[in-house]
Amino acid sequence: MKHLFASTLALVIATASTVAIAQTSGGGDTPKQHCDSGYVTGVGGAAQSFREYLALPDRDRYRYFADHQIQCKISDEGRAFDCTGVTNLKHEQMSVYDDSDGATITVTARVELDQGTYPAIIVVQRKDVQCAQ
């Protein structure tokens, strides 16, 4: 438990430092990538699960990924909701849902579930997003 708390605290400090550096570099210009749609390649998932995944040391992420595959409920309209876990995305088309964080971005992307492939709101690392031209 202490290790998880320390890892989470380190992640929060690192993220805050990155945001502070980004805001002060380039004469007020933030290097944040702004876009409405594009593609994402990498690990993403439900907000809480993704924060836990990022807080882990690299050596423990594979085990977390294997033990916490994404699971969602499906609405009558065919949308995934109430998701937990993480998934691997390979050049998946996405649209931006919330662009307010410096290190991560919340997107809507299609995820592979046991019931099929459905659009879901997930969090990914900003570096894994490629904006559409």
N, C-alpha and C. Protein backbone atom coordinates (compact mmCIF):
# COMPACT_ATOMS: atom_id res chain seq x y z
N MET A 1 0.83 -1.19 0.00
CA MET A 1 0.00 0.00 0.00
C MET A 1 0.88 1.26 0.00
N LYS A 2 1.96 1.23 0.80
CA LYS A 2 2.86 2.38 0.84
C LYS A 2 3.51 2.59 -0.52
N HIS A 3 3.84 1.46 -1.20
CA HIS A 3 4.48 1.55 -2.51
C HIS A 3 3.53 2.18 -3.52
N LEU A 4 2.26 1.81 -3.51
CA LEU A 4 1.28 2.38 -4.42
C LEU A 4 1.10 3.87 -4.15
N PHE A 5 1.04 4.27 -2.90
CA PHE A 5 0.90 5.68 -2.54
C PHE A 5 2.11 6.46 -3.00
N ALA A 6 3.30 5.92 -2.78
CA ALA A 6 4.52 6.61 -3.20
C ALA A 6 4.59 6.74 -4.71
N SER A 7 4.19 5.70 -5.43
CA SER A 7 4.19 5.74 -6.90
C SER A 7 3.19 6.78 -7.40
N THR A 8 2.01 6.81 -6.80
CA THR A 8 0.99 7.77 -7.20
C THR A 8 1.47 9.19 -6.93
N LEU A 9 2.08 9.42 -5.77
CA LEU A 9 2.60 10.74 -5.43
C LEU A 9 3.68 11.16 -6.41
N ALA A 10 4.57 10.24 -6.76
CA ALA A 10 5.63 10.56 -7.73
C ALA A 10 5.04 10.92 -9.07
N LEU A 11 3.99 10.21 -9.50
CA LEU A 11 3.35 10.50 -10.78
C LEU A 11 2.70 11.88 -10.75
N VAL A 12 2.06 12.23 -9.66
CA VAL A 12 1.41 13.54 -9.55
C VAL A 12 2.46 14.65 -9.61
N ILE A 13 3.57 14.47 -8.92
CA ILE A 13 4.64 15.47 -8.94
C ILE A 13 5.24 15.60 -10.33
N ALA A 14 5.48 14.47 -10.98
CA ALA A 14 6.06 14.50 -12.33
C ALA A 14 5.10 15.17 -13.31
N THR A 15 3.82 14.88 -13.20
CA THR A 15 2.83 15.49 -14.09
C THR A 15 2.75 16.99 -13.85
N ALA A 16 2.74 17.39 -12.59
CA ALA A 16 2.69 18.82 -12.26
C ALA A 16 3.93 19.54 -12.78
N SER A 17 5.08 18.92 -12.67
CA SER A 17 6.32 19.51 -13.17
C SER A 17 6.27 19.66 -14.68
N THR A 18 5.78 18.64 -15.36
CA THR A 18 5.68 18.68 -16.82
C THR A 18 4.75 19.80 -17.26
N VAL A 19 3.62 19.95 -16.60
CA VAL A 19 2.66 21.00 -16.94
C VAL A 19 3.28 22.37 -16.69
N ALA A 20 3.97 22.52 -15.56
CA ALA A 20 4.59 23.81 -15.23
C ALA A 20 5.65 24.17 -16.26
N ILE A 21 6.45 23.21 -16.68
CA ILE A 21 7.48 23.47 -17.69
C ILE A 21 6.83 23.83 -19.01
N ALA A 22 5.78 23.12 -19.39
CA ALA A 22 5.10 23.38 -20.65
C ALA A 22 4.49 24.77 -20.67
N GLN A 23 3.98 25.22 -19.54
CA GLN A 23 3.34 26.53 -19.49
C GLN A 23 4.35 27.66 -19.52
N THR A 24 5.58 27.41 -19.07
CA THR A 24 6.57 28.48 -19.03
C THR A 24 7.49 28.46 -20.24
N SER A 25 7.45 27.44 -21.06
CA SER A 25 8.35 27.37 -22.22
C SER A 25 7.72 28.03 -23.43
N GLY A 26 8.57 28.46 -24.33
CA GLY A 26 8.10 28.97 -25.62
C GLY A 26 7.37 30.30 -25.55
N GLY A 27 7.71 31.17 -24.60
CA GLY A 27 7.11 32.49 -24.55
C GLY A 27 5.61 32.46 -24.34
N GLY A 28 5.13 31.52 -23.53
CA GLY A 28 3.71 31.44 -23.24
C GLY A 28 2.97 30.46 -24.12
N ASP A 29 3.61 30.00 -25.21
CA ASP A 29 2.98 29.00 -26.06
C ASP A 29 3.09 27.64 -25.41
N THR A 30 1.99 26.94 -25.27
CA THR A 30 2.05 25.60 -24.72
C THR A 30 2.22 24.61 -25.85
N PRO A 31 3.09 23.61 -25.69
CA PRO A 31 3.31 22.64 -26.74
C PRO A 31 2.19 21.61 -26.84
N LYS A 32 1.12 21.81 -26.11
CA LYS A 32 0.00 20.88 -26.11
C LYS A 32 -0.61 20.78 -27.49
N GLN A 33 -0.87 19.58 -27.92
CA GLN A 33 -1.44 19.32 -29.22
C GLN A 33 -2.96 19.48 -29.13
N HIS A 34 -3.53 20.39 -29.90
CA HIS A 34 -4.97 20.60 -29.90
C HIS A 34 -5.57 20.02 -31.17
N CYS A 35 -6.52 19.14 -31.01
CA CYS A 35 -7.20 18.58 -32.17
C CYS A 35 -8.56 18.05 -31.73
N ASP A 36 -9.40 17.83 -32.70
CA ASP A 36 -10.73 17.30 -32.42
C ASP A 36 -10.82 15.81 -32.68
N SER A 37 -9.99 15.32 -33.60
CA SER A 37 -10.03 13.90 -33.94
C SER A 37 -8.67 13.45 -34.44
N GLY A 38 -8.54 12.14 -34.55
CA GLY A 38 -7.28 11.58 -35.01
C GLY A 38 -7.22 10.10 -34.71
N TYR A 39 -6.03 9.65 -34.37
CA TYR A 39 -5.80 8.23 -34.11
C TYR A 39 -5.01 8.07 -32.82
N VAL A 40 -5.20 6.95 -32.17
CA VAL A 40 -4.48 6.66 -30.94
C VAL A 40 -3.90 5.25 -31.03
N THR A 41 -2.65 5.12 -30.61
CA THR A 41 -1.97 3.84 -30.54
C THR A 41 -1.29 3.76 -29.19
N GLY A 42 -1.61 2.75 -28.40
CA GLY A 42 -1.02 2.58 -27.08
C GLY A 42 -2.05 2.07 -26.09
N VAL A 43 -1.67 2.10 -24.84
CA VAL A 43 -2.56 1.63 -23.78
C VAL A 43 -3.49 2.76 -23.36
N GLY A 44 -4.75 2.43 -23.15
CA GLY A 44 -5.74 3.37 -22.66
C GLY A 44 -6.75 2.62 -21.82
N GLY A 45 -7.59 3.35 -21.12
CA GLY A 45 -8.59 2.67 -20.32
C GLY A 45 -9.45 3.60 -19.51
N ALA A 46 -10.24 3.00 -18.65
CA ALA A 46 -11.09 3.76 -17.74
C ALA A 46 -10.20 4.64 -16.88
N ALA A 47 -10.68 5.82 -16.53
CA ALA A 47 -9.85 6.82 -15.84
C ALA A 47 -9.12 6.27 -14.62
N GLN A 48 -9.84 5.67 -13.69
CA GLN A 48 -9.22 5.15 -12.46
C GLN A 48 -8.21 4.04 -12.78
N SER A 49 -8.58 3.11 -13.62
CA SER A 49 -7.69 2.01 -13.98
C SER A 49 -6.45 2.52 -14.68
N PHE A 50 -6.61 3.51 -15.56
CA PHE A 50 -5.47 4.04 -16.30
C PHE A 50 -4.52 4.79 -15.36
N ARG A 51 -5.06 5.52 -14.38
CA ARG A 51 -4.20 6.19 -13.39
C ARG A 51 -3.40 5.16 -12.60
N GLU A 52 -4.06 4.07 -12.21
CA GLU A 52 -3.35 3.01 -11.48
C GLU A 52 -2.26 2.40 -12.35
N TYR A 53 -2.56 2.16 -13.62
CA TYR A 53 -1.60 1.59 -14.56
C TYR A 53 -0.37 2.51 -14.69
N LEU A 54 -0.60 3.80 -14.87
CA LEU A 54 0.51 4.73 -15.03
C LEU A 54 1.34 4.89 -13.76
N ALA A 55 0.72 4.69 -12.61
CA ALA A 55 1.42 4.85 -11.34
C ALA A 55 2.38 3.69 -11.04
N LEU A 56 2.21 2.59 -11.74
CA LEU A 56 3.05 1.42 -11.51
C LEU A 56 4.42 1.57 -12.17
N PRO A 57 5.44 0.94 -11.59
CA PRO A 57 6.73 0.88 -12.28
C PRO A 57 6.57 0.07 -13.57
N ASP A 58 7.40 0.35 -14.56
CA ASP A 58 7.31 -0.34 -15.85
C ASP A 58 7.28 -1.85 -15.71
N ARG A 59 8.05 -2.38 -14.78
CA ARG A 59 8.13 -3.84 -14.62
C ARG A 59 6.82 -4.47 -14.18
N ASP A 60 5.91 -3.69 -13.57
CA ASP A 60 4.64 -4.21 -13.07
C ASP A 60 3.46 -3.93 -14.01
N ARG A 61 3.67 -3.14 -15.04
CA ARG A 61 2.57 -2.76 -15.91
C ARG A 61 2.03 -3.93 -16.73
N TYR A 62 2.89 -4.81 -17.20
CA TYR A 62 2.42 -5.94 -18.00
C TYR A 62 1.46 -6.80 -17.19
N ARG A 63 1.79 -7.08 -15.94
CA ARG A 63 0.93 -7.90 -15.07
C ARG A 63 -0.40 -7.19 -14.83
N TYR A 64 -0.36 -5.88 -14.58
CA TYR A 64 -1.59 -5.12 -14.37
C TYR A 64 -2.46 -5.18 -15.62
N PHE A 65 -1.82 -4.99 -16.78
CA PHE A 65 -2.55 -5.04 -18.05
C PHE A 65 -3.23 -6.40 -18.23
N ALA A 66 -2.52 -7.47 -17.95
CA ALA A 66 -3.06 -8.83 -18.12
C ALA A 66 -4.21 -9.10 -17.14
N ASP A 67 -4.11 -8.56 -15.93
CA ASP A 67 -5.12 -8.83 -14.89
C ASP A 67 -6.30 -7.86 -14.92
N HIS A 68 -6.22 -6.78 -15.67
CA HIS A 68 -7.27 -5.76 -15.66
C HIS A 68 -7.70 -5.38 -17.07
N GLN A 69 -8.08 -6.36 -17.86
CA GLN A 69 -8.58 -6.09 -19.22
C GLN A 69 -9.88 -5.29 -19.14
N ILE A 70 -10.07 -4.41 -20.09
CA ILE A 70 -11.23 -3.52 -20.06
C ILE A 70 -12.54 -4.30 -20.12
N GLN A 71 -13.48 -3.87 -19.30
CA GLN A 71 -14.82 -4.43 -19.26
C GLN A 71 -15.79 -3.26 -19.13
N CYS A 72 -16.87 -3.31 -19.88
CA CYS A 72 -17.86 -2.24 -19.86
C CYS A 72 -19.26 -2.82 -19.91
N LYS A 73 -20.21 -2.03 -19.46
CA LYS A 73 -21.62 -2.34 -19.68
C LYS A 73 -21.99 -1.71 -21.02
N ILE A 74 -22.99 -2.28 -21.69
CA ILE A 74 -23.43 -1.77 -22.99
C ILE A 74 -24.85 -1.22 -22.86
N SER A 75 -25.04 0.02 -23.32
CA SER A 75 -26.35 0.66 -23.25
C SER A 75 -27.25 0.14 -24.37
N ASP A 76 -28.53 0.46 -24.28
CA ASP A 76 -29.48 0.08 -25.33
C ASP A 76 -29.14 0.75 -26.67
N GLU A 77 -28.43 1.90 -26.61
CA GLU A 77 -28.03 2.61 -27.82
C GLU A 77 -26.75 2.04 -28.42
N GLY A 78 -26.15 1.04 -27.76
CA GLY A 78 -24.93 0.43 -28.29
C GLY A 78 -23.65 1.15 -27.92
N ARG A 79 -23.66 1.83 -26.77
CA ARG A 79 -22.46 2.53 -26.30
C ARG A 79 -21.95 1.86 -25.03
N ALA A 80 -20.64 1.82 -24.90
CA ALA A 80 -20.02 1.27 -23.69
C ALA A 80 -20.04 2.33 -22.59
N PHE A 81 -20.34 1.91 -21.37
CA PHE A 81 -20.32 2.82 -20.23
C PHE A 81 -19.93 2.04 -18.99
N ASP A 82 -19.64 2.77 -17.91
CA ASP A 82 -19.26 2.15 -16.63
C ASP A 82 -18.09 1.18 -16.82
N CYS A 83 -17.06 1.64 -17.53
CA CYS A 83 -15.92 0.78 -17.86
C CYS A 83 -14.91 0.72 -16.72
N THR A 84 -14.21 -0.39 -16.64
CA THR A 84 -13.07 -0.57 -15.75
C THR A 84 -11.99 -1.29 -16.55
N GLY A 85 -10.75 -1.11 -16.16
CA GLY A 85 -9.65 -1.82 -16.79
C GLY A 85 -8.99 -1.02 -17.90
N VAL A 86 -8.03 -1.68 -18.56
CA VAL A 86 -7.24 -1.06 -19.62
C VAL A 86 -7.25 -1.94 -20.86
N THR A 87 -6.89 -1.35 -21.99
CA THR A 87 -6.85 -2.06 -23.26
C THR A 87 -5.71 -1.51 -24.10
N ASN A 88 -5.34 -2.25 -25.13
CA ASN A 88 -4.31 -1.80 -26.06
C ASN A 88 -4.99 -1.35 -27.35
N LEU A 89 -4.68 -0.17 -27.80
CA LEU A 89 -5.27 0.39 -29.00
C LEU A 89 -4.21 0.46 -30.09
N LYS A 90 -4.59 0.06 -31.29
CA LYS A 90 -3.66 0.05 -32.42
C LYS A 90 -4.24 0.91 -33.54
N HIS A 91 -3.75 2.13 -33.65
CA HIS A 91 -4.17 3.08 -34.68
C HIS A 91 -5.69 3.15 -34.76
N GLU A 92 -6.29 3.32 -33.58
CA GLU A 92 -7.76 3.38 -33.48
C GLU A 92 -8.23 4.82 -33.69
N GLN A 93 -9.22 5.00 -34.52
CA GLN A 93 -9.77 6.33 -34.75
C GLN A 93 -10.42 6.82 -33.45
N MET A 94 -10.22 8.11 -33.15
CA MET A 94 -10.77 8.65 -31.91
C MET A 94 -11.21 10.08 -32.14
N SER A 95 -12.05 10.56 -31.21
CA SER A 95 -12.39 11.98 -31.15
C SER A 95 -12.16 12.43 -29.72
N VAL A 96 -11.73 13.66 -29.58
CA VAL A 96 -11.37 14.20 -28.27
C VAL A 96 -12.64 14.48 -27.47
N TYR A 97 -12.65 14.02 -26.23
CA TYR A 97 -13.77 14.25 -25.32
C TYR A 97 -13.42 15.35 -24.32
N ASP A 98 -12.19 15.28 -23.75
CA ASP A 98 -11.73 16.27 -22.78
C ASP A 98 -10.23 16.44 -22.94
N ASP A 99 -9.80 17.66 -23.22
CA ASP A 99 -8.40 17.97 -23.51
C ASP A 99 -7.77 18.83 -22.41
N SER A 100 -8.24 18.71 -21.18
CA SER A 100 -7.82 19.64 -20.13
C SER A 100 -6.57 19.20 -19.36
N ASP A 101 -6.14 17.97 -19.49
CA ASP A 101 -4.97 17.49 -18.75
C ASP A 101 -3.73 17.62 -19.62
N GLY A 102 -2.59 17.90 -19.01
CA GLY A 102 -1.35 18.05 -19.76
C GLY A 102 -0.72 16.75 -20.21
N ALA A 103 -0.88 15.68 -19.46
CA ALA A 103 -0.21 14.41 -19.77
C ALA A 103 -1.13 13.39 -20.41
N THR A 104 -2.41 13.47 -20.10
CA THR A 104 -3.37 12.51 -20.65
C THR A 104 -4.48 13.26 -21.37
N ILE A 105 -5.26 12.52 -22.13
CA ILE A 105 -6.37 13.11 -22.87
C ILE A 105 -7.51 12.09 -22.85
N THR A 106 -8.72 12.57 -22.66
CA THR A 106 -9.90 11.70 -22.65
C THR A 106 -10.49 11.72 -24.05
N VAL A 107 -10.67 10.52 -24.61
CA VAL A 107 -11.15 10.39 -25.98
C VAL A 107 -12.31 9.41 -26.06
N THR A 108 -13.01 9.48 -27.15
CA THR A 108 -14.00 8.46 -27.49
C THR A 108 -13.38 7.62 -28.59
N ALA A 109 -13.25 6.33 -28.33
CA ALA A 109 -12.65 5.41 -29.31
C ALA A 109 -13.37 4.08 -29.23
N ARG A 110 -13.28 3.31 -30.28
CA ARG A 110 -13.89 1.97 -30.29
C ARG A 110 -12.95 1.02 -29.56
N VAL A 111 -13.52 0.26 -28.63
CA VAL A 111 -12.73 -0.72 -27.87
C VAL A 111 -13.31 -2.11 -28.07
N GLU A 112 -12.43 -3.07 -28.08
CA GLU A 112 -12.83 -4.47 -28.24
C GLU A 112 -13.22 -5.03 -26.87
N LEU A 113 -14.46 -5.48 -26.77
CA LEU A 113 -14.99 -6.07 -25.54
C LEU A 113 -15.40 -7.51 -25.82
N ASP A 114 -15.75 -8.25 -24.78
CA ASP A 114 -16.23 -9.62 -24.97
C ASP A 114 -17.48 -9.66 -25.84
N GLN A 115 -18.32 -8.62 -25.75
CA GLN A 115 -19.59 -8.57 -26.48
C GLN A 115 -19.42 -8.05 -27.91
N GLY A 116 -18.25 -7.56 -28.28
CA GLY A 116 -18.00 -6.97 -29.60
C GLY A 116 -17.21 -5.69 -29.46
N THR A 117 -17.22 -4.87 -30.50
CA THR A 117 -16.50 -3.61 -30.51
C THR A 117 -17.49 -2.46 -30.35
N TYR A 118 -17.24 -1.57 -29.37
CA TYR A 118 -18.17 -0.50 -29.05
C TYR A 118 -17.40 0.79 -28.78
N PRO A 119 -18.02 1.94 -29.04
CA PRO A 119 -17.39 3.21 -28.67
C PRO A 119 -17.44 3.39 -27.15
N ALA A 120 -16.33 3.89 -26.60
CA ALA A 120 -16.24 4.10 -25.16
C ALA A 120 -15.42 5.35 -24.88
N ILE A 121 -15.66 5.99 -23.77
CA ILE A 121 -14.86 7.12 -23.34
C ILE A 121 -13.74 6.57 -22.48
N ILE A 122 -12.50 6.79 -22.93
CA ILE A 122 -11.32 6.26 -22.24
C ILE A 122 -10.25 7.34 -22.14
N VAL A 123 -9.26 7.08 -21.30
CA VAL A 123 -8.14 8.00 -21.12
C VAL A 123 -6.90 7.36 -21.73
N VAL A 124 -6.12 8.17 -22.47
CA VAL A 124 -4.88 7.72 -23.08
C VAL A 124 -3.80 8.76 -22.80
N GLN A 125 -2.56 8.38 -23.00
CA GLN A 125 -1.48 9.35 -22.86
C GLN A 125 -1.48 10.26 -24.08
N ARG A 126 -1.26 11.52 -23.84
CA ARG A 126 -1.26 12.52 -24.91
C ARG A 126 -0.24 12.16 -25.98
N LYS A 127 0.90 11.60 -25.60
CA LYS A 127 1.95 11.26 -26.56
C LYS A 127 1.51 10.15 -27.52
N ASP A 128 0.47 9.40 -27.18
CA ASP A 128 -0.02 8.31 -28.03
C ASP A 128 -1.05 8.76 -29.05
N VAL A 129 -1.42 10.04 -29.03
CA VAL A 129 -2.44 10.57 -29.92
C VAL A 129 -1.79 11.24 -31.12
N GLN A 130 -2.30 10.93 -32.29
CA GLN A 130 -1.87 11.56 -33.54
C GLN A 130 -3.09 12.27 -34.12
N CYS A 131 -3.02 13.59 -34.22
CA CYS A 131 -4.15 14.36 -34.72
C CYS A 131 -4.33 14.14 -36.21
N ALA A 132 -5.59 14.20 -36.66
CA ALA A 132 -5.90 14.08 -38.08
C ALA A 132 -5.51 15.38 -38.77
N GLN A 133 -5.15 15.30 -40.01
CA GLN A 133 -4.71 16.49 -40.77
C GLN A 133 -5.88 17.34 -41.16
